Amino acid sequence: MVRFGTGGWRAVIGDEFTRANIQLLAKAMSRKMKSEGVAEEGIVIGYDRRFLSKESVKWACEVFAAEGIHVWFVNRSSPTPLIMYYVEKHQLHYGMMVTASHNPAIYNGFKVFTYGGRDASEEQTKDIEHYAEEIEAEAEPIAFIDYEQAKSEGRVTEFNPMNEYLDNIIANIDMHAIRERGLHIVLDPMYGVSQVAMKTILSTARCEMDLIHETHDTLFGRRMPAPSESSLTELRTYVREMECDLGIATDGDADRLGVVDDNGKYLHANDILVLLYYYLLKYRGWRGPAVRNVATTHLLDRLAESFGEVCYEVPVGFKHISAKMQETDALIGGESSGGLTVRGHINGKDGIYAASLLVEMIAVTKKRLSELAREIEETYGSTHMEEHSFRFTVARKQELQKILFEEKQLPEFPQEVAKVSYLDGVKVYFENGGWIIARFSGTEPLLRIFCEMSDEAQAIRNCNILEGFLDLKQN
């Protein structure tokens, strides 16, 4: 069975992430490409450092080869944004990446990219699921050609397009300004795939650069490969003790970013999104709206309004952000989980480009990251976001769905409610500008609750009220 969520198909290794299902996915993609008349142009596939990632590409290649579809195989572990860039730059209709992004180490999966280097839309992934179901119903063995034979016959081409991806980033960053600052930066790739790209960019810009957690570890140091405050304790300590200008972390496939400022303070992804939008508007002089998902800070809305711009809200899933950015010619788009992109770059999130732009921001403004954050807080005020996650059984999920989305029950909150939205999950907007949302994750079996208020106490109180109403116990 192959089922897509908001971030591609992800499954537990050995459960649903199996060779048989990978072959099924490749066969379904082949059938879709043939039905659309784009099979002759081939497909590009990359992989990250997760367990079985490289082998999974080869299993997929064997099926594509048997289907007569040429595969351009990036033959070393690579960032997801590299594959998106290649699909866009070379005008391919499809690309794939073997990754489960920031999920726990027991997961792996596939992301599918479509024309323009975008995350596949829900309509596209439904098509793939339909073809997979059709193939399963046929109950016939899936044909494949041994990988080495497919390669020797020219059905698979191994290559590495890293240079053109890096050249594109370097061409769009003020490298001269960075060289002038002589910055000291530490990178935590979280045992993932960003170190080659970031080392190349920062070394070219003459930064002093240190690395932690750069080795290949499919267990990710026995922690989640997600750049959250709790997972970046060592990075924060390193920045303080070594007096670095900046600490940068990227998730497992390098499409998300985590940041530690010059004081060793973790900056939430919301803060980074606001900082970069502020920099592009005030210091680069660019103009354009912003796009965020339903679980991302409304401080972005205040910032946009102050420059005569608007901020659009979309469901969770970067495909919704990139689509809205294209529709509105938005300047920046992002999400509270650490993914963002900027107009003129790829149509998806890129932690490497975002990190490079952040370094440029420090260099051009000649201000420390903590100073810039304080500058924004003094101008636009501060907010606090609480994020809680809860696991559930199938029966419990059905119960929660009934309460929240069928009966549409909600507790009484201390703040006056302005409106309630069911765009993605259930989101309550308060008259004072705060909000709280409950939604089921599209990548893991979790119910997530986010609340943003003017201070921590209010945010925690509202979370406690909703969690108590739903009889939830935090993991």
Protein backbone atom coordinates (compact mmCIF):
# COMPACT_ATOMS: atom_id res chain seq x y z
CA MET A 1 0.00 0.00 0.00
CA VAL A 2 1.26 3.49 -0.89
CA ARG A 3 -0.45 6.47 0.77
CA PHE A 4 0.73 10.08 0.53
CA GLY A 5 0.49 12.68 3.30
CA THR A 6 1.42 16.37 3.36
CA GLY A 7 5.13 15.59 2.89
CA GLY A 8 5.10 12.66 0.48
CA TRP A 9 4.82 8.95 1.16
CA ARG A 10 6.36 8.06 4.53
CA ALA A 11 6.20 4.69 6.27
CA VAL A 12 7.94 2.59 8.89
CA ILE A 13 10.83 0.59 7.42
CA GLY A 14 9.91 -3.09 7.19
CA ASP A 15 6.22 -2.36 7.76
CA GLU A 16 4.90 -0.50 4.72
CA PHE A 17 8.26 0.82 3.51
CA THR A 18 9.32 -2.38 1.72
CA ARG A 19 10.94 -3.33 -1.57
CA ALA A 20 7.57 -4.54 -2.87
CA ASN A 21 5.89 -1.20 -2.17
CA ILE A 22 8.82 0.74 -3.65
CA GLN A 23 8.48 -1.32 -6.82
CA LEU A 24 4.74 -0.67 -6.76
CA LEU A 25 5.34 3.08 -6.46
CA ALA A 26 7.83 3.04 -9.36
CA LYS A 27 5.39 1.09 -11.52
CA ALA A 28 2.58 3.53 -10.64
CA MET A 29 4.81 6.51 -11.50
CA SER A 30 5.75 4.85 -14.79
CA ARG A 31 2.11 4.34 -15.69
CA LYS A 32 1.29 7.94 -14.80
CA MET A 33 4.18 9.32 -16.85
CA LYS A 34 3.18 7.22 -19.86
CA SER A 35 -0.45 8.30 -19.62
CA GLU A 36 0.71 11.94 -19.68
CA GLY A 37 3.12 11.44 -22.57
CA VAL A 38 6.22 12.49 -20.61
CA ALA A 39 7.92 9.12 -20.13
CA GLU A 40 10.56 9.77 -22.81
CA GLU A 41 12.16 12.67 -20.90
CA GLY A 42 12.99 10.40 -17.92
CA ILE A 43 13.01 11.11 -14.21
CA VAL A 44 15.65 12.30 -11.70
CA ILE A 45 15.94 10.56 -8.31
CA GLY A 46 18.04 11.34 -5.25
CA TYR A 47 18.38 10.01 -1.72
CA ASP A 48 19.42 11.05 1.79
CA ARG A 49 21.35 9.23 4.53
CA ARG A 50 18.50 7.18 5.98
CA PHE A 51 18.66 3.42 6.27
CA LEU A 52 17.93 1.75 2.89
CA SER A 53 17.72 5.07 1.02
CA LYS A 54 20.32 4.27 -1.64
CA GLU A 55 19.04 0.70 -2.04
CA SER A 56 15.51 2.06 -2.44
CA VAL A 57 16.57 4.24 -5.37
CA LYS A 58 18.11 1.22 -7.04
CA TRP A 59 14.94 -0.83 -6.55
CA ALA A 60 12.94 1.97 -8.15
CA CYS A 61 15.50 2.30 -10.98
CA GLU A 62 15.12 -1.39 -11.81
CA VAL A 63 11.38 -0.98 -12.36
CA PHE A 64 11.69 2.27 -14.33
CA ALA A 65 14.30 0.60 -16.53
CA ALA A 66 11.94 -2.29 -17.27
CA GLU A 67 9.25 0.26 -18.14
CA GLY A 68 11.57 1.99 -20.61
CA ILE A 69 11.91 5.19 -18.52
CA HIS A 70 15.42 6.60 -18.19
CA VAL A 71 16.55 7.47 -14.65
CA TRP A 72 19.00 10.23 -13.80
CA PHE A 73 20.31 8.93 -10.48
CA VAL A 74 22.14 11.38 -8.19
CA ASN A 75 24.68 8.85 -7.00
CA ARG A 76 25.49 10.23 -3.55
CA SER A 77 23.41 11.33 -0.58
CA SER A 78 22.05 14.79 -1.37
CA PRO A 79 19.73 17.52 -0.09
CA THR A 80 16.11 17.39 -1.18
CA PRO A 81 16.31 20.99 -2.55
CA LEU A 82 18.96 19.82 -5.02
CA ILE A 83 16.46 17.47 -6.66
CA MET A 84 13.76 20.16 -6.75
CA TYR A 85 16.24 22.58 -8.33
CA TYR A 86 17.22 20.04 -11.00
CA VAL A 87 13.59 19.30 -11.91
CA GLU A 88 12.89 23.03 -12.29
CA LYS A 89 16.13 23.98 -14.06
CA HIS A 90 15.96 21.15 -16.60
CA GLN A 91 12.20 21.40 -17.09
CA LEU A 92 11.48 17.81 -16.16
CA HIS A 93 7.94 16.77 -15.41
CA TYR A 94 8.91 14.51 -12.51
CA GLY A 95 11.57 13.92 -9.89
CA MET A 96 11.71 11.83 -6.73
CA MET A 97 13.63 11.92 -3.47
CA VAL A 98 14.05 9.05 -1.02
CA THR A 99 13.66 10.60 2.43
CA ALA A 100 11.38 10.82 5.42
CA SER A 101 12.69 14.33 6.14
CA HIS A 102 12.50 15.02 9.90
CA ASN A 103 10.60 11.85 10.88
CA PRO A 104 12.14 9.38 13.38
CA ALA A 105 14.85 7.03 12.12
CA ILE A 106 12.47 4.06 11.77
CA TYR A 107 10.77 5.87 8.86
CA ASN A 108 11.72 6.28 5.23
CA GLY A 109 9.74 7.42 2.23
CA PHE A 110 9.53 9.11 -1.16
CA LYS A 111 8.79 12.69 -2.10
CA VAL A 112 7.51 13.36 -5.61
CA PHE A 113 8.19 16.62 -7.45
CA THR A 114 6.39 17.88 -10.52
CA TYR A 115 7.03 20.37 -13.30
CA GLY A 116 8.61 23.56 -11.98
CA GLY A 117 10.28 21.69 -9.10
CA ARG A 118 7.14 21.74 -6.94
CA ASP A 119 5.91 19.27 -4.38
CA ALA A 120 3.32 17.06 -6.03
CA SER A 121 -0.20 18.38 -5.45
CA GLU A 122 -2.91 16.34 -3.75
CA GLU A 123 -4.45 15.69 -7.17
CA GLN A 124 -1.12 14.34 -8.45
CA THR A 125 -0.56 12.06 -5.46
CA LYS A 126 -4.15 10.79 -5.69
CA ASP A 127 -3.38 9.81 -9.29
CA ILE A 128 -0.31 7.86 -8.15
CA GLU A 129 -2.34 6.10 -5.44
CA HIS A 130 -5.00 5.24 -8.02
CA TYR A 131 -2.45 3.70 -10.38
CA ALA A 132 -0.90 1.77 -7.47
CA GLU A 133 -4.32 0.34 -6.54
CA GLU A 134 -4.93 -0.55 -10.17
CA ILE A 135 -1.61 -2.42 -10.39
CA GLU A 136 -2.27 -4.27 -7.12
CA ALA A 137 -5.68 -5.37 -8.40
CA GLU A 138 -4.06 -6.83 -11.52
CA ALA A 139 -2.10 -9.19 -9.21
CA GLU A 140 0.73 -9.63 -11.71
CA PRO A 141 4.45 -9.63 -10.88
CA ILE A 142 6.12 -6.24 -11.39
CA ALA A 143 8.86 -6.52 -14.02
CA PHE A 144 12.33 -5.18 -13.25
CA ILE A 145 15.84 -5.24 -14.72
CA ASP A 146 18.85 -5.82 -12.44
CA TYR A 147 20.39 -2.46 -11.51
CA GLU A 148 23.89 -3.14 -12.83
CA GLN A 149 22.48 -4.40 -16.12
CA ALA A 150 20.20 -1.34 -16.39
CA LYS A 151 23.18 0.93 -15.80
CA SER A 152 25.42 -0.89 -18.31
CA GLU A 153 22.67 -0.68 -20.93
CA GLY A 154 22.36 3.09 -20.41
CA ARG A 155 18.89 2.90 -18.88
CA VAL A 156 20.23 4.53 -15.69
CA THR A 157 22.73 7.39 -15.61
CA GLU A 158 24.60 8.12 -12.38
CA PHE A 159 25.60 11.78 -12.00
CA ASN A 160 25.99 14.59 -9.46
CA PRO A 161 24.48 18.04 -10.24
CA MET A 162 25.61 19.61 -6.95
CA ASN A 163 27.83 22.25 -8.59
CA GLU A 164 25.07 23.88 -10.62
CA TYR A 165 22.78 23.96 -7.56
CA LEU A 166 25.50 25.62 -5.45
CA ASP A 167 26.45 28.03 -8.22
CA ASN A 168 22.83 29.17 -8.36
CA ILE A 169 22.76 29.89 -4.62
CA ILE A 170 26.14 31.64 -4.64
CA ALA A 171 25.00 33.84 -7.56
CA ASN A 172 22.00 35.01 -5.54
CA ILE A 173 23.81 35.73 -2.26
CA ASP A 174 25.96 38.80 -1.48
CA MET A 175 29.18 36.85 -1.08
CA HIS A 176 31.30 40.02 -1.02
CA ALA A 177 29.48 41.36 2.04
CA ILE A 178 29.93 38.02 3.82
CA ARG A 179 33.65 37.92 3.00
CA GLU A 180 34.07 41.36 4.55
CA ARG A 181 32.65 40.25 7.91
CA GLY A 182 34.90 37.26 8.67
CA LEU A 183 32.10 35.37 10.44
CA HIS A 184 32.56 32.32 12.65
CA ILE A 185 29.75 29.83 12.07
CA VAL A 186 29.04 26.34 13.36
CA LEU A 187 26.89 23.90 11.39
CA ASP A 188 24.92 20.97 12.79
CA PRO A 189 23.63 18.88 9.84
CA MET A 190 22.05 16.51 12.40
CA TYR A 191 23.79 13.55 10.72
CA GLY A 192 22.03 14.54 7.51
CA VAL A 193 23.10 15.82 4.10
CA SER A 194 23.78 19.56 4.26
CA GLN A 195 27.46 19.66 5.17
CA VAL A 196 28.97 19.48 1.67
CA ALA A 197 26.75 22.27 0.35
CA MET A 198 27.09 24.52 3.41
CA LYS A 199 30.86 24.00 3.69
CA THR A 200 31.30 24.93 0.04
CA ILE A 201 29.16 28.08 0.28
CA LEU A 202 30.58 29.34 3.57
CA SER A 203 34.18 28.49 2.71
CA THR A 204 33.81 30.35 -0.57
CA ALA A 205 32.58 33.31 1.48
CA ARG A 206 35.70 33.02 3.70
CA CYS A 207 33.75 32.16 6.85
CA GLU A 208 35.42 30.26 9.65
CA MET A 209 33.29 27.14 9.90
CA ASP A 210 33.03 24.34 12.45
CA LEU A 211 30.97 21.15 12.20
CA ILE A 212 29.24 18.93 14.73
CA HIS A 213 27.20 15.75 14.11
CA GLU A 214 28.40 15.50 10.51
CA THR A 215 29.07 11.74 10.37
CA HIS A 216 26.78 9.22 8.68
CA ASP A 217 24.48 7.78 11.33
CA THR A 218 21.19 6.25 10.19
CA LEU A 219 19.89 6.54 13.77
CA PHE A 220 20.60 10.30 13.79
CA GLY A 221 22.39 10.11 17.11
CA ARG A 222 19.26 8.47 18.58
CA ARG A 223 17.27 11.68 18.28
CA MET A 224 14.79 13.20 15.88
CA PRO A 225 16.57 14.81 12.89
CA ALA A 226 14.43 17.92 13.34
CA PRO A 227 16.05 21.25 14.28
CA SER A 228 13.95 21.99 17.37
CA GLU A 229 15.02 23.68 20.59
CA SER A 230 15.28 20.39 22.48
CA SER A 231 17.43 18.74 19.80
CA LEU A 232 19.92 21.61 19.44
CA THR A 233 21.30 21.72 23.00
CA GLU A 234 24.83 20.87 21.87
CA LEU A 235 24.73 23.48 19.10
CA ARG A 236 23.64 26.15 21.58
CA THR A 237 26.45 25.19 23.96
CA TYR A 238 29.00 25.22 21.13
CA VAL A 239 27.97 28.71 19.98
CA ARG A 240 28.31 30.09 23.52
CA GLU A 241 31.59 28.40 24.41
CA MET A 242 33.30 29.09 21.08
CA GLU A 243 31.79 32.60 20.80
CA CYS A 244 30.43 31.96 17.32
CA ASP A 245 28.43 34.51 15.35
CA LEU A 246 25.79 31.98 14.40
CA GLY A 247 24.74 28.36 14.75
CA ILE A 248 22.93 26.68 11.86
CA ALA A 249 21.15 23.32 11.87
CA THR A 250 19.34 21.52 9.06
CA ASP A 251 17.01 18.54 9.25
CA GLY A 252 17.71 15.10 7.78
CA ASP A 253 17.23 16.07 4.13
CA ALA A 254 18.24 19.75 4.51
CA ASP A 255 14.99 21.38 3.48
CA ARG A 256 14.32 22.79 6.97
CA LEU A 257 16.39 25.18 9.05
CA GLY A 258 17.11 25.70 12.74
CA VAL A 259 19.08 28.67 14.09
CA VAL A 260 21.00 29.60 17.25
CA ASP A 261 21.89 33.27 17.67
CA ASP A 262 25.16 34.80 18.87
CA ASN A 263 24.07 34.45 22.52
CA GLY A 264 23.36 30.73 22.16
CA LYS A 265 19.60 31.30 22.09
CA TYR A 266 17.47 29.07 19.91
CA LEU A 267 15.35 31.06 17.46
CA HIS A 268 12.05 29.47 16.53
CA ALA A 269 11.36 28.91 12.83
CA ASN A 270 8.69 31.61 13.12
CA ASP A 271 11.39 34.08 14.20
CA ILE A 272 13.58 33.17 11.23
CA LEU A 273 10.74 33.60 8.77
CA VAL A 274 9.92 37.03 10.18
CA LEU A 275 13.60 38.05 10.28
CA LEU A 276 14.20 37.14 6.65
CA TYR A 277 11.02 38.82 5.43
CA TYR A 278 11.99 41.94 7.40
CA TYR A 279 15.49 41.88 5.88
CA LEU A 280 14.22 41.47 2.32
CA LEU A 281 11.72 44.29 2.73
CA LYS A 282 13.80 46.81 4.69
CA TYR A 283 17.38 46.15 3.64
CA ARG A 284 17.10 44.62 0.18
CA GLY A 285 14.18 46.86 -0.70
CA TRP A 286 12.16 44.05 -2.25
CA ARG A 287 8.37 44.08 -2.24
CA GLY A 288 5.71 41.40 -2.24
CA PRO A 289 3.26 39.53 -0.03
CA ALA A 290 4.06 36.67 2.31
CA VAL A 291 2.49 33.21 2.53
CA ARG A 292 2.28 31.07 5.67
CA ASN A 293 0.38 27.99 6.72
CA VAL A 294 -2.37 27.89 9.37
CA ALA A 295 0.08 26.90 12.13
CA THR A 296 2.62 29.69 11.54
CA THR A 297 3.02 33.02 13.34
CA HIS A 298 0.66 35.92 12.67
CA LEU A 299 3.54 38.29 13.40
CA LEU A 300 4.25 37.87 9.70
CA ASP A 301 0.87 39.49 9.01
CA ARG A 302 1.77 42.55 11.11
CA LEU A 303 5.11 42.90 9.34
CA ALA A 304 3.52 42.62 5.90
CA GLU A 305 0.87 45.21 6.75
CA SER A 306 3.48 47.70 7.96
CA PHE A 307 5.07 47.66 4.50
CA GLY A 308 1.75 47.85 2.68
CA GLU A 309 1.74 44.12 1.87
CA VAL A 310 -0.55 41.23 2.77
CA CYS A 311 0.04 37.78 4.24
CA TYR A 312 -1.92 34.83 2.87
CA GLU A 313 -2.90 31.78 4.93
CA VAL A 314 -2.95 28.27 3.43
CA PRO A 315 -3.26 24.67 4.70
CA VAL A 316 -0.22 22.78 5.99
CA GLY A 317 1.96 21.29 3.26
CA PHE A 318 4.55 23.24 1.32
CA LYS A 319 2.79 22.51 -1.95
CA HIS A 320 0.06 24.92 -0.78
CA ILE A 321 2.64 27.59 0.05
CA SER A 322 4.45 27.35 -3.29
CA ALA A 323 1.16 27.37 -5.22
CA LYS A 324 -0.04 30.50 -3.41
CA MET A 325 3.34 32.17 -3.90
CA GLN A 326 3.09 31.62 -7.63
CA GLU A 327 -0.49 32.87 -7.70
CA THR A 328 0.28 36.07 -5.76
CA ASP A 329 3.94 36.65 -6.76
CA ALA A 330 4.75 36.49 -3.05
CA LEU A 331 8.19 37.42 -1.79
CA ILE A 332 8.50 34.75 0.88
CA GLY A 333 6.64 31.68 2.06
CA GLY A 334 7.20 29.51 5.09
CA GLU A 335 5.98 27.37 7.92
CA SER A 336 6.56 27.09 11.67
CA SER A 337 8.28 23.71 11.26
CA GLY A 338 11.33 25.37 9.70
CA GLY A 339 10.76 25.36 5.95
CA LEU A 340 10.81 28.49 3.79
CA THR A 341 11.59 29.75 0.33
CA VAL A 342 12.07 33.10 -1.37
CA ARG A 343 10.84 34.35 -4.73
CA GLY A 344 13.36 33.63 -7.48
CA HIS A 345 14.69 30.46 -5.88
CA ILE A 346 13.12 26.99 -6.08
CA ASN A 347 9.40 26.39 -5.60
CA GLY A 348 9.92 24.51 -2.37
CA LYS A 349 11.64 24.80 0.97
CA ASP A 350 15.43 24.92 1.08
CA GLY A 351 17.33 25.03 4.37
CA ILE A 352 20.66 25.57 2.62
CA TYR A 353 19.53 28.65 0.70
CA ALA A 354 17.69 30.01 3.76
CA ALA A 355 20.82 29.58 5.89
CA SER A 356 22.95 31.35 3.26
CA LEU A 357 20.50 34.24 3.13
CA LEU A 358 20.58 34.47 6.92
CA VAL A 359 24.38 34.76 6.86
CA GLU A 360 24.06 37.48 4.22
CA MET A 361 21.59 39.32 6.46
CA ILE A 362 24.11 39.49 9.32
CA ALA A 363 26.86 40.61 6.95
CA VAL A 364 24.87 43.29 5.09
CA THR A 365 23.19 44.82 8.14
CA LYS A 366 26.40 44.60 10.18
CA LYS A 367 24.20 43.62 13.11
CA ARG A 368 24.23 40.54 15.27
CA LEU A 369 21.27 38.20 14.95
CA SER A 370 20.21 39.00 18.52
CA GLU A 371 20.20 42.73 17.66
CA LEU A 372 17.99 42.20 14.62
CA ALA A 373 15.59 40.04 16.62
CA ARG A 374 15.38 42.76 19.29
CA GLU A 375 14.82 45.39 16.59
CA ILE A 376 11.80 43.47 15.29
CA GLU A 377 10.40 42.88 18.77
CA GLU A 378 10.63 46.57 19.62
CA THR A 379 8.81 47.49 16.41
CA TYR A 380 6.20 44.74 16.10
CA GLY A 381 5.87 43.33 19.60
CA SER A 382 6.45 39.77 20.73
CA THR A 383 4.44 36.55 20.70
CA HIS A 384 4.84 33.11 22.21
CA MET A 385 3.90 29.85 20.53
CA GLU A 386 3.21 26.58 22.33
CA GLU A 387 3.41 23.35 20.32
CA HIS A 388 2.14 20.04 21.73
CA SER A 389 1.80 16.62 20.06
CA PHE A 390 -0.30 13.59 21.02
CA ARG A 391 -0.22 10.03 19.71
CA PHE A 392 -3.45 8.11 19.28
CA THR A 393 -4.96 4.74 18.39
CA VAL A 394 -7.23 4.34 15.37
CA ALA A 395 -10.27 4.29 17.67
CA ARG A 396 -9.09 7.41 19.50
CA LYS A 397 -8.55 9.25 16.24
CA GLN A 398 -12.11 8.50 15.17
CA GLU A 399 -13.35 9.78 18.51
CA LEU A 400 -11.36 13.01 18.21
CA GLN A 401 -12.47 13.52 14.61
CA LYS A 402 -16.10 13.18 15.67
CA ILE A 403 -15.73 15.73 18.48
CA LEU A 404 -13.75 18.30 16.50
CA PHE A 405 -14.92 17.97 12.91
CA GLU A 406 -18.36 16.34 12.94
CA GLU A 407 -19.94 17.69 16.11
CA LYS A 408 -17.59 20.73 16.00
CA GLN A 409 -17.35 20.92 19.76
CA LEU A 410 -14.89 23.36 21.37
CA PRO A 411 -14.26 24.45 24.96
CA GLU A 412 -14.76 27.93 26.37
CA PHE A 413 -11.61 30.04 26.17
CA PRO A 414 -10.81 33.12 28.33
CA GLN A 415 -10.47 35.28 25.20
CA GLU A 416 -13.30 36.46 22.99
CA VAL A 417 -13.49 34.39 19.80
CA ALA A 418 -13.46 36.26 16.49
CA LYS A 419 -14.01 33.26 14.21
CA VAL A 420 -13.42 29.53 13.77
CA SER A 421 -11.94 28.01 10.61
CA TYR A 422 -11.85 24.42 9.33
CA LEU A 423 -9.48 25.13 6.43
CA ASP A 424 -7.02 22.59 7.88
CA GLY A 425 -7.93 21.11 11.24
CA VAL A 426 -9.87 23.49 13.49
CA LYS A 427 -8.43 26.94 14.19
CA VAL A 428 -9.86 29.42 16.67
CA TYR A 429 -8.99 33.08 16.08
CA PHE A 430 -9.26 35.37 19.11
CA GLU A 431 -10.22 39.05 19.03
CA ASN A 432 -6.87 39.99 20.64
CA GLY A 433 -4.93 38.55 17.67
CA GLY A 434 -4.02 35.22 19.24
CA TRP A 435 -5.11 31.82 17.95
CA ILE A 436 -5.10 28.09 18.66
CA ILE A 437 -5.30 25.17 16.22
CA ALA A 438 -5.71 21.41 16.47
CA ARG A 439 -4.95 19.27 13.42
CA PHE A 440 -3.86 15.77 12.55
CA SER A 441 -0.32 15.49 11.21
CA GLY A 442 -0.02 14.46 7.58
CA THR A 443 3.35 12.75 8.18
CA GLU A 444 3.01 10.95 11.54
CA PRO A 445 0.15 9.51 13.66
CA LEU A 446 -0.10 12.64 15.80
CA LEU A 447 -2.62 15.26 16.77
CA ARG A 448 -0.82 18.59 16.94
CA ILE A 449 -1.93 21.63 18.91
CA PHE A 450 -0.39 25.05 18.30
CA CYS A 451 -1.27 28.22 20.19
CA GLU A 452 0.17 31.70 19.66
CA MET A 453 -0.56 34.44 22.19
CA SER A 454 1.10 37.63 23.36
CA ASP A 455 2.75 35.80 26.28
CA GLU A 456 3.67 32.29 27.37
CA ALA A 457 1.17 32.04 30.22
CA GLN A 458 -1.83 32.67 27.94
CA ALA A 459 -0.58 30.20 25.33
CA ILE A 460 -0.03 27.45 27.91
CA ARG A 461 -3.41 28.12 29.51
CA ASN A 462 -5.27 27.82 26.20
CA CYS A 463 -3.43 24.59 25.33
CA ASN A 464 -4.34 23.15 28.73
CA ILE A 465 -7.99 24.08 28.21
CA LEU A 466 -8.21 22.39 24.81
CA GLU A 467 -6.21 19.36 25.90
CA GLY A 468 -8.33 18.93 29.01
CA PHE A 469 -11.51 19.22 26.94
CA LEU A 470 -10.25 16.47 24.61
CA ASP A 471 -8.80 14.39 27.47
CA LEU A 472 -5.33 14.38 25.91
CA LYS A 473 -2.07 13.44 27.60
CA GLN A 474 1.14 14.88 26.16
CA ASN A 475 3.84 12.50 24.86
